[in-house]
């Protein structure tokens, strides 16, 4: 059974940093694409950043987080991270981690609506407020 569990959310001030972590158990993690998504109540879910399972995967980023957020993965720990720097109030959302066994898609496709993702975590809340 696949279990995806996020952690690391919290309340921070504008300009602060946070690192989200996501552990995916019950899968051969290295063969899965991974992604971070976020959603604000009443708005559509958006793909923040995604990586494919390829070793040479180039991360896809939501335009508004480019240069501030960095996704990375540690296959040995079955963990994907999202380092978020220079946080802004507009980054406030519930952040979800997801994984996909589907292979061969560009990173942007995994982030597009999340429809390619197979398993999701329950989310972690990030609040950016002064």
Foldseek 3Di string as FASTA:
>chain_A
DKAKAKDWADEAAAQAKTKMKIAIPDDQLLLKKKFKWWDDPPDAIFTAKIFHSDPPTDIDGDPVQPPFWDWDDDSVRNMIMIIGGRDDQVVWTWMKMFIANDDDDHRVVCRVSNPRTDDMHPTDTHGYHD
